[in-house]
Amino acid sequence: MIHDFKPIFRHSLNADNAFDSICSSCLQTISTEMNEADLFQHERDHECDPMQLFEASYFTDWSRSIAI
């Protein structure tokens, strides 16, 4: 099955005291809510765009991330 995993979401607090939920896989901001608990529904429903994931991995210069 292709959609076998769920990404991890990072929460950040904005200057206006709203919370952002950012997907660790596709790096999209999934939702912005005033109550952090309200982010869960959006995270549960989120699915990364496969084409965006492909493009991100294809155009990434992996040579800079490999320690020698």
PDB file of N, CA and C in Angstrom:
ATOM      1  N   MET A   1       0.836  -1.182   0.000  1.00  0.00           N
ATOM      2  CA  MET A   1       0.000   0.000   0.000  1.00  0.00           C
ATOM      3  C   MET A   1       0.884   1.249   0.000  1.00  0.00           C
ATOM      4  N   ILE A   2       0.560   2.206  -0.828  1.00  0.00           N
ATOM      5  CA  ILE A   2       1.378   3.399  -0.984  1.00  0.00           C
ATOM      6  C   ILE A   2       1.302   4.310   0.235  1.00  0.00           C
ATOM      7  N   HIS A   3       0.099   4.545   0.759  1.00  0.00           N
ATOM      8  CA  HIS A   3      -0.086   5.483   1.858  1.00  0.00           C
ATOM      9  C   HIS A   3      -0.028   4.743   3.194  1.00  0.00           C
ATOM     10  N   ASP A   4       1.108   4.128   3.441  1.00  0.00           N
ATOM     11  CA  ASP A   4       1.285   3.291   4.622  1.00  0.00           C
ATOM     12  C   ASP A   4       1.746   4.075   5.849  1.00  0.00           C
ATOM     13  N   PHE A   5       2.139   5.308   5.675  1.00  0.00           N
ATOM     14  CA  PHE A   5       2.703   6.075   6.782  1.00  0.00           C
ATOM     15  C   PHE A   5       1.962   7.388   6.945  1.00  0.00           C
ATOM     16  N   LYS A   6       2.098   7.957   8.114  1.00  0.00           N
ATOM     17  CA  LYS A   6       1.586   9.299   8.370  1.00  0.00           C
ATOM     18  C   LYS A   6       2.770  10.169   8.750  1.00  0.00           C
ATOM     19  N   PRO A   7       2.873  11.332   8.171  1.00  0.00           N
ATOM     20  CA  PRO A   7       3.998  12.207   8.504  1.00  0.00           C
ATOM     21  C   PRO A   7       3.880  12.767   9.918  1.00  0.00           C
ATOM     22  N   ILE A   8       4.967  13.289  10.393  1.00  0.00           N
ATOM     23  CA  ILE A   8       5.002  13.977  11.685  1.00  0.00           C
ATOM     24  C   ILE A   8       4.722  15.448  11.399  1.00  0.00           C
ATOM     25  N   PHE A   9       4.003  16.091  12.289  1.00  0.00           N
ATOM     26  CA  PHE A   9       3.669  17.500  12.105  1.00  0.00           C
ATOM     27  C   PHE A   9       4.345  18.335  13.177  1.00  0.00           C
ATOM     28  N   ARG A  10       4.974  19.410  12.726  1.00  0.00           N
ATOM     29  CA  ARG A  10       5.613  20.349  13.643  1.00  0.00           C
ATOM     30  C   ARG A  10       4.645  21.500  13.889  1.00  0.00           C
ATOM     31  N   HIS A  11       4.519  21.880  15.129  1.00  0.00           N
ATOM     32  CA  HIS A  11       3.667  23.017  15.479  1.00  0.00           C
ATOM     33  C   HIS A  11       4.545  24.205  15.817  1.00  0.00           C
ATOM     34  N   SER A  12       4.147  25.359  15.313  1.00  0.00           N
ATOM     35  CA  SER A  12       4.876  26.579  15.657  1.00  0.00           C
ATOM     36  C   SER A  12       3.863  27.637  16.078  1.00  0.00           C
ATOM     37  N   LEU A  13       4.285  28.459  17.026  1.00  0.00           N
ATOM     38  CA  LEU A  13       3.447  29.535  17.545  1.00  0.00           C
ATOM     39  C   LEU A  13       3.822  30.822  16.828  1.00  0.00           C
ATOM     40  N   ASN A  14       2.829  31.454  16.223  1.00  0.00           N
ATOM     41  CA  ASN A  14       3.050  32.692  15.476  1.00  0.00           C
ATOM     42  C   ASN A  14       2.997  33.908  16.395  1.00  0.00           C
ATOM     43  N   ALA A  15       3.400  35.033  15.871  1.00  0.00           N
ATOM     44  CA  ALA A  15       3.394  36.289  16.632  1.00  0.00           C
ATOM     45  C   ALA A  15       1.984  36.683  17.079  1.00  0.00           C
ATOM     46  N   ASP A  16       0.970  36.253  16.327  1.00  0.00           N
ATOM     47  CA  ASP A  16      -0.413  36.572  16.688  1.00  0.00           C
ATOM     48  C   ASP A  16      -1.036  35.511  17.599  1.00  0.00           C
ATOM     49  N   ASN A  17      -0.201  34.627  18.162  1.00  0.00           N
ATOM     50  CA  ASN A  17      -0.606  33.535  19.059  1.00  0.00           C
ATOM     51  C   ASN A  17      -1.434  32.452  18.382  1.00  0.00           C
ATOM     52  N   ALA A  18      -1.394  32.390  17.068  1.00  0.00           N
ATOM     53  CA  ALA A  18      -2.020  31.292  16.331  1.00  0.00           C
ATOM     54  C   ALA A  18      -0.967  30.196  16.143  1.00  0.00           C
ATOM     55  N   PHE A  19      -1.424  28.960  15.979  1.00  0.00           N
ATOM     56  CA  PHE A  19      -0.537  27.817  15.796  1.00  0.00           C
ATOM     57  C   PHE A  19      -0.577  27.360  14.346  1.00  0.00           C
ATOM     58  N   ASP A  20       0.590  27.083  13.785  1.00  0.00           N
ATOM     59  CA  ASP A  20       0.702  26.474  12.457  1.00  0.00           C
ATOM     60  C   ASP A  20       1.033  25.007  12.632  1.00  0.00           C
ATOM     61  N   SER A  21       0.500  24.179  11.749  1.00  0.00           N
ATOM     62  CA  SER A  21       0.869  22.778  11.673  1.00  0.00           C
ATOM     63  C   SER A  21       1.571  22.575  10.343  1.00  0.00           C
ATOM     64  N   ILE A  22       2.821  22.104  10.390  1.00  0.00           N
ATOM     65  CA  ILE A  22       3.637  21.951   9.190  1.00  0.00           C
ATOM     66  C   ILE A  22       3.997  20.480   9.023  1.00  0.00           C
ATOM     67  N   CYS A  23       3.698  19.943   7.857  1.00  0.00           N
ATOM     68  CA  CYS A  23       3.976  18.536   7.558  1.00  0.00           C
ATOM     69  C   CYS A  23       5.478  18.348   7.360  1.00  0.00           C
ATOM     70  N   SER A  24       6.044  17.360   8.046  1.00  0.00           N
ATOM     71  CA  SER A  24       7.489  17.115   7.947  1.00  0.00           C
ATOM     72  C   SER A  24       7.888  16.460   6.631  1.00  0.00           C
ATOM     73  N   SER A  25       6.931  15.876   5.928  1.00  0.00           N
ATOM     74  CA  SER A  25       7.247  15.210   4.661  1.00  0.00           C
ATOM     75  C   SER A  25       7.202  16.147   3.461  1.00  0.00           C
ATOM     76  N   CYS A  26       6.111  16.905   3.339  1.00  0.00           N
ATOM     77  CA  CYS A  26       5.960  17.769   2.167  1.00  0.00           C
ATOM     78  C   CYS A  26       6.218  19.238   2.486  1.00  0.00           C
ATOM     79  N   LEU A  27       6.393  19.552   3.764  1.00  0.00           N
ATOM     80  CA  LEU A  27       6.714  20.899   4.242  1.00  0.00           C
ATOM     81  C   LEU A  27       5.617  21.934   3.991  1.00  0.00           C
ATOM     82  N   GLN A  28       4.406  21.477   3.747  1.00  0.00           N
ATOM     83  CA  GLN A  28       3.285  22.395   3.592  1.00  0.00           C
ATOM     84  C   GLN A  28       2.732  22.785   4.954  1.00  0.00           C
ATOM     85  N   THR A  29       2.265  24.021   5.055  1.00  0.00           N
ATOM     86  CA  THR A  29       1.513  24.423   6.235  1.00  0.00           C
ATOM     87  C   THR A  29       0.119  23.853   6.054  1.00  0.00           C
ATOM     88  N   ILE A  30      -0.259  22.951   6.939  1.00  0.00           N
ATOM     89  CA  ILE A  30      -1.521  22.234   6.829  1.00  0.00           C
ATOM     90  C   ILE A  30      -2.676  23.075   7.343  1.00  0.00           C
ATOM     91  N   SER A  31      -2.449  23.773   8.432  1.00  0.00           N
ATOM     92  CA  SER A  31      -3.516  24.556   9.032  1.00  0.00           C
ATOM     93  C   SER A  31      -2.932  25.597   9.969  1.00  0.00           C
ATOM     94  N   THR A  32      -3.681  26.659  10.169  1.00  0.00           N
ATOM     95  CA  THR A  32      -3.373  27.668  11.173  1.00  0.00           C
ATOM     96  C   THR A  32      -4.622  27.837  12.025  1.00  0.00           C
ATOM     97  N   GLU A  33      -4.475  27.644  13.328  1.00  0.00           N
ATOM     98  CA  GLU A  33      -5.612  27.703  14.260  1.00  0.00           C
ATOM     99  C   GLU A  33      -5.209  28.472  15.509  1.00  0.00           C
ATOM    100  N   MET A  34      -6.169  29.088  16.139  1.00  0.00           N
ATOM    101  CA  MET A  34      -5.909  29.788  17.400  1.00  0.00           C
ATOM    102  C   MET A  34      -5.761  28.804  18.558  1.00  0.00           C
ATOM    103  N   ASN A  35      -6.399  27.651  18.462  1.00  0.00           N
ATOM    104  CA  ASN A  35      -6.326  26.619  19.491  1.00  0.00           C
ATOM    105  C   ASN A  35      -5.510  25.445  18.931  1.00  0.00           C
ATOM    106  N   GLU A  36      -4.415  25.107  19.577  1.00  0.00           N
ATOM    107  CA  GLU A  36      -3.523  24.057  19.069  1.00  0.00           C
ATOM    108  C   GLU A  36      -4.239  22.721  18.895  1.00  0.00           C
ATOM    109  N   ALA A  37      -5.201  22.417  19.766  1.00  0.00           N
ATOM    110  CA  ALA A  37      -5.931  21.146  19.681  1.00  0.00           C
ATOM    111  C   ALA A  37      -6.743  21.042  18.388  1.00  0.00           C
ATOM    112  N   ASP A  38      -7.096  22.173  17.804  1.00  0.00           N
ATOM    113  CA  ASP A  38      -7.876  22.170  16.566  1.00  0.00           C
ATOM    114  C   ASP A  38      -7.052  21.748  15.345  1.00  0.00           C
ATOM    115  N   LEU A  39      -5.745  21.667  15.478  1.00  0.00           N
ATOM    116  CA  LEU A  39      -4.889  21.253  14.367  1.00  0.00           C
ATOM    117  C   LEU A  39      -5.030  19.761  14.067  1.00  0.00           C
ATOM    118  N   PHE A  40      -5.401  18.978  15.065  1.00  0.00           N
ATOM    119  CA  PHE A  40      -5.434  17.525  14.926  1.00  0.00           C
ATOM    120  C   PHE A  40      -6.309  17.065  13.760  1.00  0.00           C
ATOM    121  N   GLN A  41      -7.493  17.626  13.623  1.00  0.00           N
ATOM    122  CA  GLN A  41      -8.409  17.218  12.550  1.00  0.00           C
ATOM    123  C   GLN A  41      -7.778  17.429  11.176  1.00  0.00           C
ATOM    124  N   HIS A  42      -7.120  18.554  10.991  1.00  0.00           N
ATOM    125  CA  HIS A  42      -6.476  18.849   9.701  1.00  0.00           C
ATOM    126  C   HIS A  42      -5.299  17.897   9.449  1.00  0.00           C
ATOM    127  N   GLU A  43      -4.541  17.598  10.500  1.00  0.00           N
ATOM    128  CA  GLU A  43      -3.409  16.679  10.366  1.00  0.00           C
ATOM    129  C   GLU A  43      -3.894  15.274  10.022  1.00  0.00           C
ATOM    130  N   ARG A  44      -4.975  14.867  10.643  1.00  0.00           N
ATOM    131  CA  ARG A  44      -5.521  13.532  10.399  1.00  0.00           C
ATOM    132  C   ARG A  44      -5.973  13.385   8.945  1.00  0.00           C
ATOM    133  N   ASP A  45      -6.517  14.442   8.373  1.00  0.00           N
ATOM    134  CA  ASP A  45      -7.052  14.393   7.015  1.00  0.00           C
ATOM    135  C   ASP A  45      -6.008  14.662   5.936  1.00  0.00           C
ATOM    136  N   HIS A  46      -4.828  15.114   6.326  1.00  0.00           N
ATOM    137  CA  HIS A  46      -3.803  15.511   5.351  1.00  0.00           C
ATOM    138  C   HIS A  46      -3.210  14.312   4.622  1.00  0.00           C
ATOM    139  N   GLU A  47      -3.038  14.475   3.325  1.00  0.00           N
ATOM    140  CA  GLU A  47      -2.285  13.528   2.499  1.00  0.00           C
ATOM    141  C   GLU A  47      -1.322  14.341   1.648  1.00  0.00           C
ATOM    142  N   CYS A  48      -0.062  13.966   1.686  1.00  0.00           N
ATOM    143  CA  CYS A  48       0.942  14.668   0.885  1.00  0.00           C
ATOM    144  C   CYS A  48       0.670  14.432  -0.596  1.00  0.00           C
ATOM    145  N   ASP A  49       0.941  15.441  -1.392  1.00  0.00           N
ATOM    146  CA  ASP A  49       0.804  15.343  -2.841  1.00  0.00           C
ATOM    147  C   ASP A  49       2.002  14.548  -3.379  1.00  0.00           C
ATOM    148  N   PRO A  50       1.755  13.367  -3.960  1.00  0.00           N
ATOM    149  CA  PRO A  50       2.874  12.532  -4.435  1.00  0.00           C
ATOM    150  C   PRO A  50       3.770  13.239  -5.448  1.00  0.00           C
ATOM    151  N   MET A  51       3.199  14.053  -6.311  1.00  0.00           N
ATOM    152  CA  MET A  51       4.007  14.757  -7.308  1.00  0.00           C
ATOM    153  C   MET A  51       4.920  15.776  -6.643  1.00  0.00           C
ATOM    154  N   GLN A  52       4.414  16.461  -5.631  1.00  0.00           N
ATOM    155  CA  GLN A  52       5.236  17.429  -4.912  1.00  0.00           C
ATOM    156  C   GLN A  52       6.382  16.714  -4.184  1.00  0.00           C
ATOM    157  N   LEU A  53       6.106  15.548  -3.603  1.00  0.00           N
ATOM    158  CA  LEU A  53       7.158  14.787  -2.929  1.00  0.00           C
ATOM    159  C   LEU A  53       8.224  14.337  -3.919  1.00  0.00           C
ATOM    160  N   PHE A  54       7.781  13.885  -5.101  1.00  0.00           N
ATOM    161  CA  PHE A  54       8.727  13.466  -6.132  1.00  0.00           C
ATOM    162  C   PHE A  54       9.608  14.636  -6.572  1.00  0.00           C
ATOM    163  N   GLU A  55       8.971  15.766  -6.853  1.00  0.00           N
ATOM    164  CA  GLU A  55       9.732  16.925  -7.310  1.00  0.00           C
ATOM    165  C   GLU A  55      10.717  17.397  -6.255  1.00  0.00           C
ATOM    166  N   ALA A  56      10.308  17.374  -4.999  1.00  0.00           N
ATOM    167  CA  ALA A  56      11.204  17.797  -3.918  1.00  0.00           C
ATOM    168  C   ALA A  56      12.409  16.875  -3.818  1.00  0.00           C
ATOM    169  N   SER A  57      12.198  15.575  -3.961  1.00  0.00           N
ATOM    170  CA  SER A  57      13.320  14.644  -3.850  1.00  0.00           C
ATOM    171  C   SER A  57      14.173  14.645  -5.113  1.00  0.00           C
ATOM    172  N   TYR A  58      13.555  14.816  -6.261  1.00  0.00           N
ATOM    173  CA  TYR A  58      14.285  14.793  -7.531  1.00  0.00           C
ATOM    174  C   TYR A  58      15.190  15.999  -7.686  1.00  0.00           C
ATOM    175  N   PHE A  59      14.734  17.153  -7.241  1.00  0.00           N
ATOM    176  CA  PHE A  59      15.496  18.378  -7.439  1.00  0.00           C
ATOM    177  C   PHE A  59      16.342  18.768  -6.228  1.00  0.00           C
ATOM    178  N   THR A  60      16.449  17.879  -5.238  1.00  0.00           N
ATOM    179  CA  THR A  60      17.270  18.143  -4.069  1.00  0.00           C
ATOM    180  C   THR A  60      18.715  17.758  -4.369  1.00  0.00           C
ATOM    181  N   ASP A  61      19.634  18.590  -4.002  1.00  0.00           N
ATOM    182  CA  ASP A  61      21.056  18.289  -4.176  1.00  0.00           C
ATOM    183  C   ASP A  61      21.525  17.495  -2.970  1.00  0.00           C
ATOM    184  N   TRP A  62      21.421  16.169  -3.057  1.00  0.00           N
ATOM    185  CA  TRP A  62      21.758  15.304  -1.925  1.00  0.00           C
ATOM    186  C   TRP A  62      23.240  15.325  -1.593  1.00  0.00           C
ATOM    187  N   SER A  63      24.089  15.751  -2.516  1.00  0.00           N
ATOM    188  CA  SER A  63      25.535  15.755  -2.248  1.00  0.00           C
ATOM    189  C   SER A  63      25.891  16.704  -1.128  1.00  0.00           C
ATOM    190  N   ARG A  64      25.064  17.735  -0.892  1.00  0.00           N
ATOM    191  CA  ARG A  64      25.351  18.676   0.181  1.00  0.00           C
ATOM    192  C   ARG A  64      24.931  18.140   1.537  1.00  0.00           C
ATOM    193  N   SER A  65      24.113  17.109   1.566  1.00  0.00           N
ATOM    194  CA  SER A  65      23.633  16.604   2.857  1.00  0.00           C
ATOM    195  C   SER A  65      24.400  15.378   3.345  1.00  0.00           C
ATOM    196  N   ILE A  66      25.344  14.904   2.541  1.00  0.00           N
ATOM    197  CA  ILE A  66      26.111  13.705   2.898  1.00  0.00           C
ATOM    198  C   ILE A  66      27.423  14.139   3.563  1.00  0.00           C
ATOM    199  N   ALA A  67      27.626  13.664   4.793  1.00  0.00           N
ATOM    200  CA  ALA A  67      28.869  13.981   5.504  1.00  0.00           C
ATOM    201  C   ALA A  67      29.988  13.076   4.982  1.00  0.00           C
ATOM    202  N   ILE A  68      31.124  13.668   4.721  1.00  0.00           N
ATOM    203  CA  ILE A  68      32.282  12.888   4.217  1.00  0.00           C
ATOM    204  C   ILE A  68      33.316  12.783   5.307  1.00  0.00           C
TER     205      ILE A  68
END
